N, C-alpha and C. Protein backbone atom coordinates (compact mmCIF):
# COMPACT_ATOMS: atom_id res chain seq x y z
N UNK A 1 -2.59 12.67 0.92
CA UNK A 1 -1.08 12.38 0.77
C UNK A 1 -0.93 11.67 2.31
N UNK A 2 -0.09 10.80 2.17
CA UNK A 2 0.16 9.76 3.42
C UNK A 2 1.90 9.67 3.65
N UNK A 3 2.08 8.84 4.58
CA UNK A 3 3.58 8.78 5.00
C UNK A 3 4.00 7.25 5.00
N UNK A 4 3.21 6.45 4.70
CA UNK A 4 3.51 4.96 4.60
C UNK A 4 3.68 4.50 6.14
N UNK A 5 3.28 5.25 7.27
CA UNK A 5 3.44 4.90 8.60
C UNK A 5 2.04 4.24 9.03
N UNK A 6 2.04 3.14 8.94
CA UNK A 6 0.56 2.34 9.27
C UNK A 6 0.07 2.73 10.63
N UNK A 7 -1.10 3.16 10.83
CA UNK A 7 -1.48 3.71 12.19
C UNK A 7 -2.28 2.31 12.91
N UNK A 8 -2.67 1.59 12.30
CA UNK A 8 -3.37 0.49 12.88
C UNK A 8 -4.00 -0.65 11.78
N UNK A 9 -3.97 -1.62 12.36
CA UNK A 9 -4.74 -2.68 11.35
C UNK A 9 -6.18 -2.75 11.60
N UNK A 10 -7.00 -2.85 10.48
CA UNK A 10 -8.30 -2.92 10.48
C UNK A 10 -8.69 -4.28 10.13
N UNK A 11 -10.02 -4.59 10.37
CA UNK A 11 -10.70 -6.01 9.92
C UNK A 11 -11.78 -5.86 9.07
N UNK A 12 -11.87 -6.33 7.73
CA UNK A 12 -12.55 -6.12 6.83
C UNK A 12 -13.89 -6.92 7.40
N UNK A 13 -15.10 -6.10 7.58
CA UNK A 13 -16.30 -6.80 8.09
C UNK A 13 -17.31 -7.46 6.89
N UNK A 14 -17.34 -6.61 5.78
CA UNK A 14 -17.84 -7.09 4.80
C UNK A 14 -17.45 -6.54 3.55
N UNK A 15 -17.73 -7.16 2.07
CA UNK A 15 -17.46 -6.70 0.83
C UNK A 15 -18.53 -7.21 0.10
N UNK A 16 -19.47 -6.11 -0.32
CA UNK A 16 -20.52 -6.35 -1.07
C UNK A 16 -20.53 -5.56 -2.51
N UNK A 17 -20.61 -6.44 -3.40
CA UNK A 17 -20.69 -5.67 -5.10
C UNK A 17 -22.07 -5.05 -5.08
N UNK A 18 -21.82 -4.10 -6.24
CA UNK A 18 -23.33 -3.54 -6.58
C UNK A 18 -23.31 -3.71 -7.87
N UNK A 19 -24.56 -3.02 -8.24
CA UNK A 19 -24.71 -3.31 -9.91
C UNK A 19 -23.99 -2.35 -10.76
N UNK A 20 -23.40 -1.30 -10.39
CA UNK A 20 -22.37 -0.70 -11.22
C UNK A 20 -21.00 -1.17 -11.08
N UNK A 21 -20.83 -2.33 -10.50
CA UNK A 21 -19.43 -2.80 -10.68
C UNK A 21 -18.53 -2.47 -9.50
N UNK A 22 -18.93 -1.84 -8.55
CA UNK A 22 -17.91 -1.33 -7.50
C UNK A 22 -18.44 -2.15 -6.30
N UNK A 23 -17.75 -1.99 -5.35
CA UNK A 23 -17.75 -2.85 -4.25
C UNK A 23 -17.86 -1.97 -2.90
N UNK A 24 -18.89 -2.14 -2.11
CA UNK A 24 -18.88 -1.35 -0.67
C UNK A 24 -18.20 -2.11 0.39
N UNK A 25 -16.73 -1.88 0.65
CA UNK A 25 -16.08 -2.48 1.67
C UNK A 25 -16.25 -1.56 3.02
N UNK A 26 -16.57 -2.37 4.04
CA UNK A 26 -16.71 -2.08 5.25
C UNK A 26 -15.53 -2.54 6.29
N UNK A 27 -14.98 -1.70 6.85
CA UNK A 27 -13.72 -2.06 7.71
C UNK A 27 -13.96 -1.58 9.02
N UNK A 28 -13.75 -2.53 10.11
CA UNK A 28 -13.49 -2.18 11.38
C UNK A 28 -12.11 -1.76 11.74
N UNK A 29 -12.39 -0.60 12.83
CA UNK A 29 -11.12 0.21 13.07
C UNK A 29 -11.22 0.75 14.28
N UNK A 30 -9.92 0.91 14.99
CA UNK A 30 -9.89 1.30 16.37
C UNK A 30 -9.42 2.59 16.33
N UNK A 31 -9.57 3.44 15.19
CA UNK A 31 -8.84 4.52 14.96
C UNK A 31 -9.80 5.77 15.16
N UNK A 32 -11.05 5.54 15.95
CA UNK A 32 -12.08 6.35 16.44
C UNK A 32 -13.00 6.82 15.38
N UNK A 33 -13.54 8.18 15.70
CA UNK A 33 -14.58 8.60 14.63
C UNK A 33 -14.12 9.02 13.21
N UNK A 34 -14.86 8.56 12.32
CA UNK A 34 -14.44 8.78 10.71
C UNK A 34 -15.42 9.94 10.28
N UNK A 35 -15.16 10.69 9.30
CA UNK A 35 -15.89 11.91 8.89
C UNK A 35 -16.28 11.49 7.21
N UNK A 36 -17.69 11.62 6.94
CA UNK A 36 -17.80 11.53 5.44
C UNK A 36 -16.73 12.10 4.49
N UNK A 37 -16.59 11.47 3.56
CA UNK A 37 -15.67 11.96 2.60
C UNK A 37 -14.00 12.19 2.93
N UNK A 38 -13.73 11.84 4.25
CA UNK A 38 -12.32 11.90 4.69
C UNK A 38 -11.24 10.76 3.80
N UNK A 39 -10.20 11.06 3.52
CA UNK A 39 -9.35 9.89 2.92
C UNK A 39 -8.72 8.91 3.93
N UNK A 40 -8.68 7.88 3.38
CA UNK A 40 -8.06 6.69 4.33
C UNK A 40 -7.16 5.66 3.16
N UNK A 41 -6.06 5.54 3.68
CA UNK A 41 -5.14 4.45 3.01
C UNK A 41 -5.51 3.17 3.34
N UNK A 42 -5.93 2.11 2.47
CA UNK A 42 -6.46 0.93 2.90
C UNK A 42 -5.31 -0.29 2.25
N UNK A 43 -4.30 -0.69 2.93
CA UNK A 43 -3.43 -1.39 2.27
C UNK A 43 -2.88 -0.43 1.11
N UNK A 44 -2.87 0.94 1.37
CA UNK A 44 -1.94 1.64 0.62
C UNK A 44 -2.92 2.49 -0.47
N UNK A 45 -3.91 1.93 -0.76
CA UNK A 45 -4.91 2.48 -1.50
C UNK A 45 -5.69 3.48 -1.12
N UNK A 46 -5.72 4.78 -1.51
CA UNK A 46 -6.56 5.92 -0.94
C UNK A 46 -7.89 5.58 -1.57
N UNK A 47 -8.91 5.78 -0.32
CA UNK A 47 -9.99 5.56 -0.53
C UNK A 47 -10.94 6.74 0.13
N UNK A 48 -12.16 7.07 -0.09
CA UNK A 48 -12.82 8.16 0.45
C UNK A 48 -14.05 7.43 1.28
N UNK A 49 -14.06 7.79 2.77
CA UNK A 49 -15.16 7.40 3.58
C UNK A 49 -16.53 7.88 3.14
N UNK A 50 -17.16 6.63 2.60
CA UNK A 50 -18.63 6.88 2.17
C UNK A 50 -19.67 6.65 3.32
N UNK A 51 -19.25 5.92 4.32
CA UNK A 51 -20.34 5.37 5.15
C UNK A 51 -19.58 5.43 6.75
N UNK A 52 -19.61 6.32 7.37
CA UNK A 52 -18.93 6.75 8.67
C UNK A 52 -19.88 6.05 9.73
N UNK A 53 -19.35 5.26 10.75
CA UNK A 53 -20.03 4.71 11.77
C UNK A 53 -19.08 4.54 12.86
N UNK A 54 -19.47 4.29 14.16
CA UNK A 54 -18.84 4.17 15.33
C UNK A 54 -17.84 3.00 15.08
N UNK A 55 -16.61 3.18 15.35
CA UNK A 55 -15.90 1.96 15.16
C UNK A 55 -15.51 1.31 13.80
N UNK A 56 -16.22 1.71 12.85
CA UNK A 56 -15.88 1.22 11.55
C UNK A 56 -16.27 2.27 10.42
N UNK A 57 -16.16 1.86 9.26
CA UNK A 57 -16.08 2.94 8.13
C UNK A 57 -16.66 2.12 6.78
N UNK A 58 -17.04 2.58 5.90
CA UNK A 58 -17.37 1.91 4.51
C UNK A 58 -16.80 2.73 3.44
N UNK A 59 -16.25 2.12 2.48
CA UNK A 59 -15.71 2.96 1.25
C UNK A 59 -16.27 2.27 0.09
N UNK A 60 -16.30 2.97 -1.07
CA UNK A 60 -16.85 2.44 -2.35
C UNK A 60 -15.62 2.14 -3.02
N UNK A 61 -15.09 0.60 -3.43
CA UNK A 61 -13.93 0.62 -4.29
C UNK A 61 -14.47 0.62 -5.61
N UNK A 62 -13.78 1.24 -6.88
CA UNK A 62 -14.27 1.60 -7.92
C UNK A 62 -13.67 0.26 -8.90
N UNK A 63 -14.36 0.02 -9.74
CA UNK A 63 -13.77 -1.00 -10.74
C UNK A 63 -12.44 -0.95 -11.10
N UNK A 64 -11.82 0.16 -11.33
CA UNK A 64 -10.39 0.17 -11.65
C UNK A 64 -9.72 -0.24 -10.45
N UNK A 65 -9.97 0.37 -9.30
CA UNK A 65 -9.15 0.10 -7.95
C UNK A 65 -9.20 -1.63 -7.76
N UNK A 66 -10.29 -2.12 -8.02
CA UNK A 66 -10.57 -3.64 -7.76
C UNK A 66 -9.78 -4.51 -8.72
N UNK A 67 -9.57 -3.86 -10.18
CA UNK A 67 -8.57 -4.42 -10.97
C UNK A 67 -7.22 -4.31 -10.71
N UNK A 68 -6.74 -3.45 -10.21
CA UNK A 68 -5.11 -2.79 -10.21
C UNK A 68 -4.70 -3.20 -8.89
N UNK A 69 -5.53 -3.28 -7.80
CA UNK A 69 -5.01 -3.43 -6.51
C UNK A 69 -5.34 -4.87 -5.87
N UNK A 70 -5.09 -5.14 -4.64
CA UNK A 70 -5.44 -6.45 -3.89
C UNK A 70 -6.93 -6.18 -3.20
N UNK A 71 -7.60 -5.16 -3.20
CA UNK A 71 -8.66 -4.83 -2.50
C UNK A 71 -9.83 -5.70 -2.92
N UNK A 72 -9.82 -6.26 -4.49
CA UNK A 72 -10.90 -6.71 -4.88
C UNK A 72 -10.92 -8.36 -4.21
N UNK A 73 -9.82 -8.80 -3.88
CA UNK A 73 -9.65 -10.09 -3.18
C UNK A 73 -9.97 -10.13 -1.75
N UNK A 74 -10.54 -9.01 -1.07
CA UNK A 74 -10.62 -8.92 0.30
C UNK A 74 -12.14 -9.58 0.77
N UNK A 75 -12.03 -10.03 1.89
CA UNK A 75 -13.43 -10.80 2.22
C UNK A 75 -13.45 -10.62 3.86
N UNK A 76 -14.73 -10.92 4.45
CA UNK A 76 -14.92 -10.70 5.92
C UNK A 76 -13.79 -11.49 6.51
N UNK A 77 -13.25 -10.83 7.72
CA UNK A 77 -11.84 -11.39 8.43
C UNK A 77 -10.60 -10.99 8.01
N UNK A 78 -10.49 -10.64 6.80
CA UNK A 78 -9.00 -10.32 6.11
C UNK A 78 -8.60 -8.69 6.88
N UNK A 79 -7.36 -8.95 7.19
CA UNK A 79 -6.77 -7.72 7.93
C UNK A 79 -6.08 -6.82 6.84
N UNK A 80 -6.24 -5.54 7.16
CA UNK A 80 -5.71 -4.41 6.20
C UNK A 80 -5.05 -3.42 7.17
N UNK A 81 -4.23 -2.78 6.51
CA UNK A 81 -3.35 -1.61 7.16
C UNK A 81 -4.01 -0.52 6.95
N UNK A 82 -3.87 0.46 7.90
CA UNK A 82 -4.84 1.56 7.76
C UNK A 82 -4.08 2.89 7.98
N UNK A 83 -4.12 3.75 7.50
CA UNK A 83 -3.30 5.31 7.65
C UNK A 83 -4.44 6.35 7.31
N UNK A 84 -4.59 7.43 8.13
CA UNK A 84 -5.51 8.44 7.85
C UNK A 84 -4.51 9.45 7.12
N UNK A 85 -5.02 10.31 6.21
CA UNK A 85 -4.13 11.28 5.49
C UNK A 85 -3.37 12.14 6.06
N UNK A 86 -2.27 12.73 5.58
CA UNK A 86 -1.31 13.45 6.32
C UNK A 86 -2.01 15.01 6.46
N UNK A 87 -2.00 15.33 7.65
CA UNK A 87 -2.29 17.04 8.03
C UNK A 87 -1.17 17.75 7.85
N UNK A 88 -1.39 19.00 7.39
CA UNK A 88 -0.11 20.01 7.77
C UNK A 88 0.22 20.12 8.95
N UNK A 89 1.39 19.98 9.05
CA UNK A 89 2.10 20.22 10.30
C UNK A 89 2.46 18.70 10.87
N UNK A 90 1.91 17.81 10.52
CA UNK A 90 2.30 16.42 10.98
C UNK A 90 3.72 15.96 10.79
N UNK A 91 4.35 15.25 11.58
CA UNK A 91 5.45 14.89 11.26
C UNK A 91 5.61 13.77 10.20
N UNK A 92 6.74 13.97 9.34
CA UNK A 92 6.74 13.01 8.11
C UNK A 92 7.86 11.87 8.47
N UNK A 93 7.33 10.74 8.83
CA UNK A 93 8.51 9.91 9.44
C UNK A 93 8.87 8.66 8.40
N UNK A 94 7.81 8.70 7.29
CA UNK A 94 8.17 7.66 6.13
C UNK A 94 8.49 8.30 4.88
N UNK A 95 7.83 8.28 3.83
CA UNK A 95 8.05 9.20 2.85
C UNK A 95 6.86 9.50 2.01
N UNK A 96 6.72 10.70 1.30
CA UNK A 96 5.26 10.88 0.70
C UNK A 96 4.76 9.75 -0.03
N UNK A 97 3.60 9.48 0.21
CA UNK A 97 2.73 8.29 -0.37
C UNK A 97 1.58 8.95 -0.83
N UNK A 98 1.15 8.83 -2.23
CA UNK A 98 0.33 9.42 -2.84
C UNK A 98 -1.19 8.38 -2.58
N UNK A 99 -0.91 7.20 -2.31
CA UNK A 99 -2.11 6.33 -2.27
C UNK A 99 -2.63 5.99 -3.49
N UNK A 100 -2.00 6.25 -4.52
CA UNK A 100 -2.46 5.73 -5.93
C UNK A 100 -1.65 4.59 -6.34
N UNK A 101 -1.79 3.44 -6.15
CA UNK A 101 -1.28 2.06 -6.25
C UNK A 101 -1.02 2.04 -7.72
N UNK A 102 0.17 1.87 -8.04
CA UNK A 102 0.86 1.50 -9.40
C UNK A 102 0.40 0.08 -9.88
N UNK A 103 0.49 -0.96 -8.99
CA UNK A 103 0.33 -2.12 -9.42
C UNK A 103 0.61 -3.06 -8.12
N UNK A 104 0.74 -4.34 -8.40
CA UNK A 104 1.01 -5.48 -7.44
C UNK A 104 2.31 -6.07 -7.68
N UNK A 105 2.94 -6.43 -6.39
CA UNK A 105 4.13 -7.15 -6.44
C UNK A 105 3.66 -8.69 -5.69
N UNK A 106 4.43 -9.63 -5.97
CA UNK A 106 4.30 -10.69 -5.48
C UNK A 106 5.61 -11.53 -4.65
N UNK A 107 5.15 -11.86 -3.62
CA UNK A 107 6.36 -12.47 -2.70
C UNK A 107 6.93 -13.77 -3.48
N UNK A 108 8.16 -13.72 -3.75
CA UNK A 108 8.98 -14.89 -4.30
C UNK A 108 9.35 -15.61 -3.36
N UNK A 109 10.01 -15.17 -2.31
CA UNK A 109 10.82 -15.69 -1.20
C UNK A 109 10.80 -14.91 -0.12
N UNK A 110 10.95 -15.69 1.13
CA UNK A 110 11.08 -15.07 2.63
C UNK A 110 12.35 -15.64 3.28
N UNK A 111 13.30 -15.04 3.69
CA UNK A 111 14.35 -15.61 4.26
C UNK A 111 14.43 -15.04 5.87
N UNK A 112 14.53 -15.60 6.70
CA UNK A 112 14.49 -15.52 8.21
C UNK A 112 15.90 -15.86 8.71
N UNK A 113 16.58 -14.99 9.46
CA UNK A 113 17.82 -15.58 10.22
C UNK A 113 17.81 -14.62 11.47
N UNK A 114 17.08 -15.16 12.62
CA UNK A 114 17.19 -14.32 13.74
C UNK A 114 16.18 -13.07 13.47
N UNK A 115 16.50 -12.07 13.73
CA UNK A 115 15.58 -10.97 13.52
C UNK A 115 15.73 -10.33 12.23
N UNK A 116 16.74 -10.77 11.50
CA UNK A 116 16.72 -10.44 9.96
C UNK A 116 15.87 -11.09 8.98
N UNK A 117 14.93 -10.28 8.57
CA UNK A 117 13.67 -10.92 8.07
C UNK A 117 13.77 -10.27 6.72
N UNK A 118 14.00 -10.85 5.61
CA UNK A 118 14.15 -10.34 4.05
C UNK A 118 13.02 -11.08 3.34
N UNK A 119 12.54 -10.16 2.56
CA UNK A 119 11.36 -10.65 1.86
C UNK A 119 11.90 -10.26 0.27
N UNK A 120 11.82 -11.29 -0.77
CA UNK A 120 12.01 -10.88 -2.24
C UNK A 120 10.65 -10.85 -2.81
N UNK A 121 10.45 -9.75 -3.70
CA UNK A 121 9.28 -9.61 -4.41
C UNK A 121 9.45 -9.23 -6.05
N UNK A 122 8.42 -9.73 -6.65
CA UNK A 122 8.62 -9.53 -8.08
C UNK A 122 7.27 -8.58 -8.58
N UNK A 123 7.64 -7.57 -9.08
CA UNK A 123 6.34 -6.37 -9.27
C UNK A 123 5.87 -6.96 -10.81
N UNK A 124 4.57 -6.13 -10.82
CA UNK A 124 4.23 -6.24 -12.17
C UNK A 124 5.26 -5.56 -13.14
N UNK A 125 5.00 -5.83 -14.37
CA UNK A 125 6.27 -5.38 -15.23
C UNK A 125 6.23 -4.10 -15.54
N UNK A 126 7.30 -3.50 -15.76
CA UNK A 126 7.69 -2.15 -15.92
C UNK A 126 8.23 -1.20 -14.79
N UNK A 127 8.03 -1.96 -13.58
CA UNK A 127 8.36 -1.05 -12.26
C UNK A 127 9.48 -1.17 -11.84
N UNK A 128 10.46 -2.18 -12.40
CA UNK A 128 11.54 -2.04 -11.73
C UNK A 128 12.64 -1.07 -12.01
N UNK A 129 12.64 -0.39 -12.93
CA UNK A 129 13.41 0.85 -13.11
C UNK A 129 12.94 2.06 -12.08
N UNK A 130 11.95 1.91 -11.28
CA UNK A 130 11.93 2.88 -10.10
C UNK A 130 12.03 2.22 -8.96
N UNK A 131 12.78 1.19 -8.58
CA UNK A 131 13.11 0.38 -7.66
C UNK A 131 14.51 0.50 -7.28
N UNK A 132 15.18 1.32 -7.16
CA UNK A 132 16.81 1.17 -6.98
C UNK A 132 17.07 0.81 -5.36
N UNK A 133 18.15 0.19 -5.14
CA UNK A 133 18.67 -0.12 -3.70
C UNK A 133 18.92 1.24 -3.22
N UNK A 134 18.37 1.19 -1.75
CA UNK A 134 18.14 2.52 -0.93
C UNK A 134 17.09 3.16 -1.22
N UNK A 135 16.46 3.07 -2.15
CA UNK A 135 15.38 3.72 -2.58
C UNK A 135 13.98 3.44 -1.71
N UNK A 136 12.97 4.29 -1.68
CA UNK A 136 11.68 4.00 -1.07
C UNK A 136 10.73 3.45 -1.95
N UNK A 137 9.71 2.45 -1.32
CA UNK A 137 8.79 1.91 -2.02
C UNK A 137 7.71 1.82 -0.97
N UNK A 138 6.46 1.63 -1.37
CA UNK A 138 5.36 1.50 -0.47
C UNK A 138 4.86 0.15 -0.56
N UNK A 139 4.74 -0.86 0.32
CA UNK A 139 4.17 -2.07 -0.07
C UNK A 139 2.87 -2.49 0.93
N UNK A 140 1.56 -2.50 0.69
CA UNK A 140 0.47 -2.64 1.56
C UNK A 140 0.28 -1.51 2.15
N UNK A 141 0.65 -0.13 1.61
CA UNK A 141 0.73 0.98 2.63
C UNK A 141 1.81 1.22 3.44
N UNK A 142 2.79 0.34 3.64
CA UNK A 142 3.92 0.42 4.33
C UNK A 142 5.22 1.09 3.78
N UNK A 143 5.70 2.12 4.24
CA UNK A 143 6.78 2.73 3.77
C UNK A 143 7.97 1.91 3.93
N UNK A 144 8.94 1.50 3.02
CA UNK A 144 10.00 0.67 3.20
C UNK A 144 11.22 1.13 2.46
N UNK A 145 12.41 0.75 2.95
CA UNK A 145 13.62 1.10 2.07
C UNK A 145 14.04 -0.28 1.36
N UNK A 146 14.36 -0.20 -0.15
CA UNK A 146 14.77 -1.59 -0.79
C UNK A 146 16.09 -1.57 -0.40
N UNK A 147 16.46 -2.85 0.16
CA UNK A 147 17.54 -3.40 0.38
C UNK A 147 18.14 -4.12 -0.59
N UNK A 148 17.56 -4.42 -1.66
CA UNK A 148 18.46 -5.26 -2.87
C UNK A 148 17.50 -5.16 -4.10
N UNK A 149 18.16 -5.11 -5.33
CA UNK A 149 17.43 -5.25 -6.37
C UNK A 149 18.19 -5.88 -7.68
N UNK A 150 17.53 -6.62 -8.43
CA UNK A 150 18.18 -7.01 -9.96
C UNK A 150 17.55 -6.87 -11.03
N UNK A 151 17.48 -7.70 -12.14
CA UNK A 151 16.92 -7.52 -13.17
C UNK A 151 15.40 -8.08 -13.25
N UNK A 152 15.04 -8.77 -11.98
CA UNK A 152 13.99 -9.32 -12.01
C UNK A 152 13.13 -9.25 -10.92
N UNK A 153 13.43 -8.64 -9.70
CA UNK A 153 12.91 -8.34 -8.46
C UNK A 153 13.67 -7.58 -7.61
N UNK A 154 13.30 -7.16 -6.30
CA UNK A 154 13.64 -6.56 -5.30
C UNK A 154 13.35 -7.01 -4.09
N UNK A 155 14.28 -6.62 -3.00
CA UNK A 155 14.11 -7.22 -1.59
C UNK A 155 14.05 -6.06 -0.74
N UNK A 156 13.19 -6.42 0.21
CA UNK A 156 12.80 -5.44 1.57
C UNK A 156 13.42 -6.09 2.87
N UNK A 157 13.95 -5.57 3.70
CA UNK A 157 14.02 -5.93 5.08
C UNK A 157 13.17 -5.32 6.15
N UNK A 158 12.36 -6.40 6.76
CA UNK A 158 11.35 -5.83 7.71
C UNK A 158 11.89 -6.00 9.05
N UNK A 159 11.78 -4.88 9.95
CA UNK A 159 12.15 -4.84 11.33
C UNK A 159 11.02 -5.54 12.12
N UNK A 160 11.29 -6.01 13.30
CA UNK A 160 10.00 -6.76 14.09
C UNK A 160 9.04 -5.99 14.25
N UNK A 161 9.29 -4.51 14.47
CA UNK A 161 8.16 -3.80 14.97
C UNK A 161 7.00 -3.85 13.55
N UNK A 162 7.69 -3.63 12.23
CA UNK A 162 6.98 -3.74 11.10
C UNK A 162 6.15 -5.06 11.14
N UNK A 163 6.88 -6.27 11.33
CA UNK A 163 6.08 -7.54 11.59
C UNK A 163 5.03 -7.68 12.45
N UNK A 164 5.17 -6.88 13.58
CA UNK A 164 4.01 -7.06 14.59
C UNK A 164 2.87 -6.18 14.08
N UNK A 165 3.25 -4.90 13.70
CA UNK A 165 2.08 -3.90 13.75
C UNK A 165 1.26 -3.66 12.49
N UNK A 166 1.71 -4.30 11.22
CA UNK A 166 1.23 -4.43 10.03
C UNK A 166 1.06 -5.82 9.41
N UNK A 167 0.23 -5.93 8.41
CA UNK A 167 -0.08 -7.07 7.89
C UNK A 167 1.25 -7.89 7.02
N UNK A 168 2.28 -7.23 7.01
CA UNK A 168 3.52 -7.76 6.42
C UNK A 168 3.96 -8.88 7.10
N UNK A 169 3.67 -8.69 8.33
CA UNK A 169 4.10 -10.07 9.26
C UNK A 169 3.38 -11.48 8.87
N UNK A 170 2.30 -11.33 8.20
CA UNK A 170 1.63 -12.51 7.63
C UNK A 170 2.12 -12.96 6.28
N UNK A 171 2.96 -12.33 5.68
CA UNK A 171 3.31 -12.54 4.21
C UNK A 171 3.93 -13.95 4.13
N UNK A 172 3.37 -14.69 2.99
CA UNK A 172 4.23 -16.01 2.59
C UNK A 172 4.24 -16.07 1.37
N UNK A 173 5.19 -16.87 0.80
CA UNK A 173 5.32 -17.05 -0.73
C UNK A 173 4.20 -16.96 -1.31
N UNK A 174 4.08 -16.13 -2.48
CA UNK A 174 2.96 -16.03 -3.41
C UNK A 174 1.91 -15.06 -2.92
N UNK A 175 2.19 -14.36 -1.67
CA UNK A 175 1.30 -13.42 -1.29
C UNK A 175 1.39 -12.14 -2.52
N UNK A 176 0.29 -11.44 -2.57
CA UNK A 176 0.20 -10.29 -3.32
C UNK A 176 0.16 -9.16 -2.67
N UNK A 177 0.81 -8.11 -2.82
CA UNK A 177 0.80 -6.70 -2.06
C UNK A 177 0.62 -5.75 -3.00
N UNK A 178 -0.24 -4.68 -2.47
CA UNK A 178 -0.04 -3.30 -3.56
C UNK A 178 1.08 -2.77 -3.32
N UNK A 179 1.74 -2.14 -4.39
CA UNK A 179 2.98 -1.59 -4.84
C UNK A 179 2.79 0.06 -5.40
N UNK A 180 3.41 0.82 -4.61
CA UNK A 180 3.55 2.14 -4.91
C UNK A 180 4.93 2.67 -4.91
N UNK A 181 5.61 2.83 -6.27
CA UNK A 181 6.70 3.48 -6.30
C UNK A 181 6.81 4.74 -5.79
N UNK A 182 8.12 5.26 -5.55
CA UNK A 182 8.56 6.66 -5.10
C UNK A 182 7.98 7.63 -6.22
N UNK A 183 6.99 8.68 -5.68
CA UNK A 183 6.31 9.66 -6.61
C UNK A 183 7.56 10.52 -7.07
N UNK A 184 8.67 10.53 -6.32
CA UNK A 184 9.77 11.65 -6.90
C UNK A 184 10.29 10.67 -8.15
N UNK A 185 10.47 9.50 -7.93
CA UNK A 185 10.92 8.80 -9.20
C UNK A 185 10.15 9.03 -10.39
N UNK A 186 8.62 9.24 -10.02
CA UNK A 186 7.52 9.19 -11.25
C UNK A 186 8.03 10.75 -12.05
N UNK A 187 8.31 11.54 -11.06
CA UNK A 187 8.42 13.11 -11.47
C UNK A 187 9.60 13.06 -12.41
N UNK A 188 10.64 12.33 -11.62
CA UNK A 188 12.07 12.63 -12.43
C UNK A 188 11.99 11.90 -13.82
N UNK A 189 11.19 10.81 -13.81
CA UNK A 189 11.25 10.06 -15.19
C UNK A 189 10.54 11.11 -16.11
N UNK A 190 9.42 11.68 -16.09
CA UNK A 190 8.75 12.49 -16.72
C UNK A 190 9.41 13.62 -17.21
N UNK A 191 9.99 14.40 -16.34
CA UNK A 191 11.06 15.47 -16.47
C UNK A 191 12.27 14.87 -17.60
N UNK A 192 12.93 14.07 -17.22
CA UNK A 192 14.11 13.45 -18.16
C UNK A 192 13.44 13.08 -19.37
N UNK A 193 12.56 12.45 -19.60
CA UNK A 193 11.75 12.02 -20.91
C UNK A 193 11.46 13.34 -21.51
N UNK A 194 10.76 14.27 -20.87
CA UNK A 194 10.49 15.65 -21.63
C UNK A 194 11.82 16.54 -22.35
N UNK A 195 12.95 16.08 -21.43
CA UNK A 195 14.06 16.83 -21.89
C UNK A 195 14.52 16.30 -23.04
N UNK A 196 14.71 14.85 -23.18
CA UNK A 196 15.01 14.03 -24.57
C UNK A 196 14.08 14.43 -25.39
N UNK A 197 12.83 14.30 -25.32
CA UNK A 197 11.77 14.64 -26.35
C UNK A 197 11.92 16.05 -26.92
N UNK A 198 12.59 16.83 -26.29
CA UNK A 198 12.34 18.27 -26.85
C UNK A 198 13.80 18.37 -27.71
N UNK A 199 14.70 17.34 -27.60
CA UNK A 199 15.96 17.75 -28.44
C UNK A 199 15.58 16.90 -29.82
């Protein structure tokens, strides 16, 4: 479990495929020592540390994650958002983020007016019902509030701190980002669907 509050940006050192269809992704990070098996969100996708080292760590990205997230397109020099998993007693400043990426959203447009920075995105099909105005969404591992939505896409407003401390500051039209809808919305949908199916 994560919060969507990025702790640091890391840099991809290598991305090497193996014979089983997985990719060993090695990321350089300033977050200190890593432990074998600990969870880390890389651009919002929960991964297990398979190769801890000084100042860096390696994870094995499975074929499903390569297909459903942006991790399969990463290469040396690419920057990624990093967050360690939430510990009991930690402050929760974002929202509950599972690290189970639902799909990808693509940047349709970016509007800037002074410090007002608005990004409009179009998600993979089927996700718009989970993206209400004032609801929570996770983009590339960053917890955000939806500032606008319609029948084809949604909008988020990015504050200067987010632009500075995460990879969202480098977005451009056409950029793809990992999308995770609010887990509460998922549970509510399942509950409501169950009630209707029982009638």
